Amino acid sequence: MDTRGEMKHVSWPTTKQTVIFTILVILISLVIALYLGAFDYLFSGALNQVI
């Protein structure tokens, strides 16, 4: 019963907020993946030149 009472105090996001935050998370994930992929490509190429 305490859980149900506490859930009434939760501030749920609107549908618009949920969509915006979801898109933001996807975009940030893609940017980080591209960033890390670029460094991996550069460092792999540099390592192959050394070896």
N, C-alpha and C. Protein backbone atom coordinates (compact mmCIF):
# COMPACT_ATOMS: atom_id res chain seq x y z
N MET A 1 0.82 -1.20 0.00
CA MET A 1 0.00 0.00 0.00
C MET A 1 0.86 1.26 0.00
N ASP A 2 2.02 1.22 0.63
CA ASP A 2 2.89 2.39 0.66
C ASP A 2 3.40 2.73 -0.73
N THR A 3 3.65 1.72 -1.53
CA THR A 3 4.15 1.95 -2.89
C THR A 3 3.11 2.69 -3.72
N ARG A 4 1.88 2.30 -3.63
CA ARG A 4 0.82 2.98 -4.40
C ARG A 4 0.69 4.44 -3.98
N GLY A 5 0.83 4.70 -2.71
CA GLY A 5 0.76 6.08 -2.23
C GLY A 5 1.91 6.92 -2.74
N GLU A 6 3.08 6.33 -2.77
CA GLU A 6 4.26 7.06 -3.27
C GLU A 6 4.16 7.30 -4.77
N MET A 7 3.58 6.36 -5.50
CA MET A 7 3.46 6.51 -6.95
C MET A 7 2.55 7.69 -7.32
N LYS A 8 1.66 8.08 -6.43
CA LYS A 8 0.79 9.24 -6.69
C LYS A 8 1.58 10.54 -6.65
N HIS A 9 2.74 10.53 -5.99
CA HIS A 9 3.57 11.73 -5.88
C HIS A 9 4.59 11.87 -7.02
N VAL A 10 4.68 10.83 -7.86
CA VAL A 10 5.65 10.84 -8.95
C VAL A 10 5.20 11.81 -10.02
N SER A 11 6.14 12.60 -10.52
CA SER A 11 5.86 13.54 -11.61
C SER A 11 6.25 12.87 -12.93
N TRP A 12 5.26 12.35 -13.65
CA TRP A 12 5.51 11.63 -14.89
C TRP A 12 5.73 12.61 -16.03
N PRO A 13 6.67 12.30 -16.95
CA PRO A 13 6.90 13.19 -18.09
C PRO A 13 5.73 13.12 -19.07
N THR A 14 5.56 14.21 -19.81
CA THR A 14 4.52 14.23 -20.84
C THR A 14 5.00 13.42 -22.04
N THR A 15 4.09 13.16 -22.96
CA THR A 15 4.45 12.43 -24.17
C THR A 15 5.50 13.19 -24.96
N LYS A 16 5.34 14.52 -25.05
CA LYS A 16 6.30 15.34 -25.79
C LYS A 16 7.68 15.27 -25.16
N GLN A 17 7.76 15.34 -23.83
CA GLN A 17 9.04 15.24 -23.13
C GLN A 17 9.69 13.88 -23.37
N THR A 18 8.89 12.83 -23.34
CA THR A 18 9.40 11.48 -23.55
C THR A 18 9.99 11.33 -24.94
N VAL A 19 9.31 11.87 -25.95
CA VAL A 19 9.80 11.79 -27.33
C VAL A 19 11.10 12.59 -27.47
N ILE A 20 11.14 13.80 -26.92
CA ILE A 20 12.33 14.65 -27.01
C ILE A 20 13.51 13.98 -26.32
N PHE A 21 13.31 13.45 -25.12
CA PHE A 21 14.40 12.81 -24.39
C PHE A 21 14.88 11.54 -25.10
N THR A 22 13.97 10.80 -25.70
CA THR A 22 14.35 9.59 -26.44
C THR A 22 15.20 9.94 -27.64
N ILE A 23 14.79 10.96 -28.40
CA ILE A 23 15.57 11.41 -29.56
C ILE A 23 16.92 11.92 -29.11
N LEU A 24 16.95 12.65 -28.01
CA LEU A 24 18.21 13.18 -27.48
C LEU A 24 19.17 12.06 -27.10
N VAL A 25 18.68 11.03 -26.46
CA VAL A 25 19.52 9.89 -26.08
C VAL A 25 20.06 9.18 -27.31
N ILE A 26 19.23 9.00 -28.33
CA ILE A 26 19.68 8.35 -29.57
C ILE A 26 20.74 9.19 -30.25
N LEU A 27 20.55 10.50 -30.34
CA LEU A 27 21.52 11.37 -30.99
C LEU A 27 22.85 11.39 -30.25
N ILE A 28 22.80 11.51 -28.94
CA ILE A 28 24.03 11.51 -28.14
C ILE A 28 24.76 10.18 -28.29
N SER A 29 24.02 9.08 -28.31
CA SER A 29 24.63 7.76 -28.49
C SER A 29 25.32 7.66 -29.85
N LEU A 30 24.68 8.17 -30.89
CA LEU A 30 25.27 8.13 -32.23
C LEU A 30 26.53 8.99 -32.30
N VAL A 31 26.49 10.17 -31.70
CA VAL A 31 27.66 11.06 -31.71
C VAL A 31 28.83 10.40 -30.98
N ILE A 32 28.57 9.81 -29.83
CA ILE A 32 29.64 9.15 -29.08
C ILE A 32 30.17 7.95 -29.85
N ALA A 33 29.28 7.19 -30.51
CA ALA A 33 29.72 6.04 -31.30
C ALA A 33 30.61 6.49 -32.45
N LEU A 34 30.25 7.56 -33.13
CA LEU A 34 31.07 8.08 -34.23
C LEU A 34 32.42 8.59 -33.72
N TYR A 35 32.40 9.27 -32.60
CA TYR A 35 33.63 9.80 -31.98
C TYR A 35 34.58 8.66 -31.63
N LEU A 36 34.07 7.65 -30.94
CA LEU A 36 34.91 6.52 -30.55
C LEU A 36 35.35 5.71 -31.76
N GLY A 37 34.47 5.56 -32.74
CA GLY A 37 34.82 4.84 -33.96
C GLY A 37 35.92 5.54 -34.73
N ALA A 38 35.87 6.86 -34.79
CA ALA A 38 36.90 7.63 -35.49
C ALA A 38 38.26 7.46 -34.80
N PHE A 39 38.29 7.54 -33.49
CA PHE A 39 39.55 7.35 -32.77
C PHE A 39 40.06 5.93 -32.91
N ASP A 40 39.17 4.96 -32.90
CA ASP A 40 39.58 3.57 -33.09
C ASP A 40 40.21 3.40 -34.47
N TYR A 41 39.59 3.98 -35.48
CA TYR A 41 40.12 3.91 -36.84
C TYR A 41 41.50 4.57 -36.94
N LEU A 42 41.62 5.75 -36.36
CA LEU A 42 42.90 6.46 -36.40
C LEU A 42 44.00 5.71 -35.65
N PHE A 43 43.71 5.26 -34.46
CA PHE A 43 44.71 4.56 -33.66
C PHE A 43 45.06 3.20 -34.27
N SER A 44 44.08 2.52 -34.86
CA SER A 44 44.37 1.24 -35.52
C SER A 44 45.29 1.47 -36.71
N GLY A 45 45.03 2.52 -37.47
CA GLY A 45 45.90 2.83 -38.62
C GLY A 45 47.29 3.19 -38.17
N ALA A 46 47.40 3.97 -37.12
CA ALA A 46 48.71 4.35 -36.60
C ALA A 46 49.45 3.13 -36.06
N LEU A 47 48.75 2.25 -35.39
CA LEU A 47 49.38 1.04 -34.85
C LEU A 47 49.86 0.13 -35.99
N ASN A 48 49.09 0.02 -37.05
CA ASN A 48 49.49 -0.79 -38.20
C ASN A 48 50.73 -0.20 -38.87
N GLN A 49 50.88 1.11 -38.84
CA GLN A 49 52.07 1.74 -39.43
C GLN A 49 53.31 1.45 -38.59
N VAL A 50 53.13 1.38 -37.29
CA VAL A 50 54.25 1.12 -36.40
C VAL A 50 54.68 -0.35 -36.49
N ILE A 51 53.71 -1.23 -36.59
CA ILE A 51 54.02 -2.66 -36.60
C ILE A 51 54.45 -3.13 -37.94
